[in-house]
Amino acid sequence: MARHLENADGQGQILIGERLSPVAYQVAAEEVDGRYQASVSLHVPRDWLLKQGFKSRATLILANGDRTDVSHDTPVGTDDNVSVILSGASQPFRDYVSLVAKFPELKLGEA
């Protein structure tokens, strides 16, 4: 059974093509059967994404410098909401130390 642990905000950069731009992102962490998993998401203005040439995938550079892929289910177009949610796949971690190494913005205390 999954147990939600924490949501945290981070500051990173989004890489679309050759362009880097600062962004805020959110991390959600859960514990499932003694293991941990985390996923990232971010809200980005649709029109800005279109100006950058974004289609459906980008790279998020996390606060610690690690990279993770983020995407939108379908190619972004003018019919999308003005704020588009990009999400990364859930990432598994064997233990709490590995989780915090990847996402130091999580302040879970003792897990």
Protein backbone atom coordinates (compact mmCIF):
# COMPACT_ATOMS: atom_id res chain seq x y z
CA MET A 1 0.00 0.00 0.00
CA ALA A 2 1.29 3.46 -0.91
CA ARG A 3 1.85 6.07 1.77
CA HIS A 4 2.22 9.69 0.62
CA LEU A 5 5.26 11.22 2.28
CA GLU A 6 5.77 14.76 1.11
CA ASN A 7 5.41 17.36 -1.61
CA ALA A 8 8.24 19.83 -2.08
CA ASP A 9 9.05 22.69 -4.40
CA GLY A 10 12.34 23.01 -6.24
CA GLN A 11 14.00 25.50 -8.53
CA GLY A 12 15.63 24.18 -11.67
CA GLN A 13 15.91 24.79 -15.38
CA ILE A 14 14.04 23.45 -18.37
CA LEU A 15 15.96 22.56 -21.51
CA ILE A 16 14.02 22.80 -24.76
CA GLY A 17 16.22 22.33 -27.79
CA GLU A 18 19.32 24.39 -26.99
CA ARG A 19 17.56 26.87 -24.66
CA LEU A 20 17.69 26.81 -20.85
CA SER A 21 15.14 28.72 -18.78
CA PRO A 22 14.57 28.83 -15.01
CA VAL A 23 11.46 27.03 -13.72
CA ALA A 24 9.85 25.98 -10.48
CA TYR A 25 8.87 22.32 -10.13
CA GLN A 26 7.11 20.11 -7.60
CA VAL A 27 8.23 16.75 -6.25
CA ALA A 28 5.78 14.21 -4.82
CA ALA A 29 7.23 11.32 -2.79
CA GLU A 30 5.59 8.09 -1.64
CA GLU A 31 6.61 4.97 0.22
CA VAL A 32 5.36 1.71 -1.27
CA ASP A 33 6.11 -1.56 0.54
CA GLY A 34 9.29 -0.21 2.15
CA ARG A 35 10.58 1.37 -1.05
CA TYR A 36 10.33 4.95 -2.18
CA GLN A 37 9.22 6.61 -5.36
CA ALA A 38 9.07 10.20 -6.50
CA SER A 39 7.74 12.09 -9.47
CA VAL A 40 8.14 15.65 -10.68
CA SER A 41 5.73 18.02 -12.37
CA LEU A 42 5.74 21.64 -13.40
CA HIS A 43 3.29 24.20 -14.74
CA VAL A 44 4.52 26.12 -17.77
CA PRO A 45 2.74 28.81 -19.82
CA ARG A 46 1.43 27.31 -23.08
CA ASP A 47 2.35 30.30 -25.22
CA TRP A 48 5.91 30.33 -23.88
CA LEU A 49 6.27 26.62 -24.67
CA LEU A 50 5.04 27.19 -28.21
CA LYS A 51 7.50 30.06 -28.72
CA GLN A 52 10.33 27.74 -27.62
CA GLY A 53 9.32 25.15 -30.22
CA PHE A 54 8.17 22.65 -27.57
CA LYS A 55 6.20 19.70 -28.88
CA SER A 56 5.72 17.16 -26.08
CA ARG A 57 9.09 16.41 -24.35
CA ALA A 58 11.79 18.41 -22.56
CA THR A 59 14.57 17.92 -20.03
CA LEU A 60 14.22 19.25 -16.49
CA ILE A 61 17.50 20.03 -14.75
CA LEU A 62 16.87 19.59 -11.04
CA ALA A 63 18.23 21.77 -8.24
CA ASN A 64 21.06 19.25 -7.67
CA GLY A 65 22.03 19.27 -11.37
CA ASP A 66 20.54 15.86 -12.24
CA ARG A 67 18.40 15.64 -15.35
CA THR A 68 15.03 14.03 -15.82
CA ASP A 69 12.66 13.89 -18.79
CA VAL A 70 9.31 15.65 -18.55
CA SER A 71 6.50 15.47 -21.06
CA HIS A 72 2.94 16.31 -21.98
CA ASP A 73 0.63 13.49 -23.10
CA THR A 74 0.04 15.06 -26.50
CA PRO A 75 1.79 17.72 -28.57
CA VAL A 76 1.05 21.17 -27.11
CA GLY A 77 -1.07 23.45 -29.28
CA THR A 78 -3.17 26.58 -29.02
CA ASP A 79 -6.17 24.48 -27.97
CA ASP A 80 -4.41 23.48 -24.70
CA ASN A 81 -4.97 25.30 -21.40
CA VAL A 82 -2.92 28.47 -20.92
CA SER A 83 -0.96 26.63 -18.20
CA VAL A 84 0.40 23.26 -19.34
CA ILE A 85 1.43 20.56 -16.88
CA LEU A 86 4.61 18.66 -17.75
CA SER A 87 5.23 15.47 -15.78
CA GLY A 88 8.10 13.07 -15.29
CA ALA A 89 7.74 9.32 -14.88
CA SER A 90 7.72 7.99 -11.33
CA GLN A 91 11.26 7.11 -10.27
CA PRO A 92 11.94 4.22 -7.86
CA PHE A 93 14.48 4.37 -5.00
CA ARG A 94 15.69 1.53 -2.79
CA ASP A 95 15.96 3.67 0.31
CA TYR A 96 15.46 7.08 1.85
CA VAL A 97 19.11 8.10 1.34
CA SER A 98 18.86 7.51 -2.44
CA LEU A 99 15.61 9.48 -2.59
CA VAL A 100 17.05 12.52 -0.81
CA ALA A 101 20.25 12.35 -2.87
CA LYS A 102 18.15 12.80 -6.01
CA PHE A 103 15.67 15.26 -4.47
CA PRO A 104 17.34 17.15 -1.59
CA GLU A 105 14.42 19.58 -1.53
CA LEU A 106 12.40 16.87 0.22
CA LYS A 107 12.65 17.39 3.95
CA LEU A 108 11.17 14.21 5.26
CA GLY A 109 13.07 13.97 8.51
CA GLU A 110 13.31 10.38 9.66
CA ALA A 111 11.54 8.05 7.26
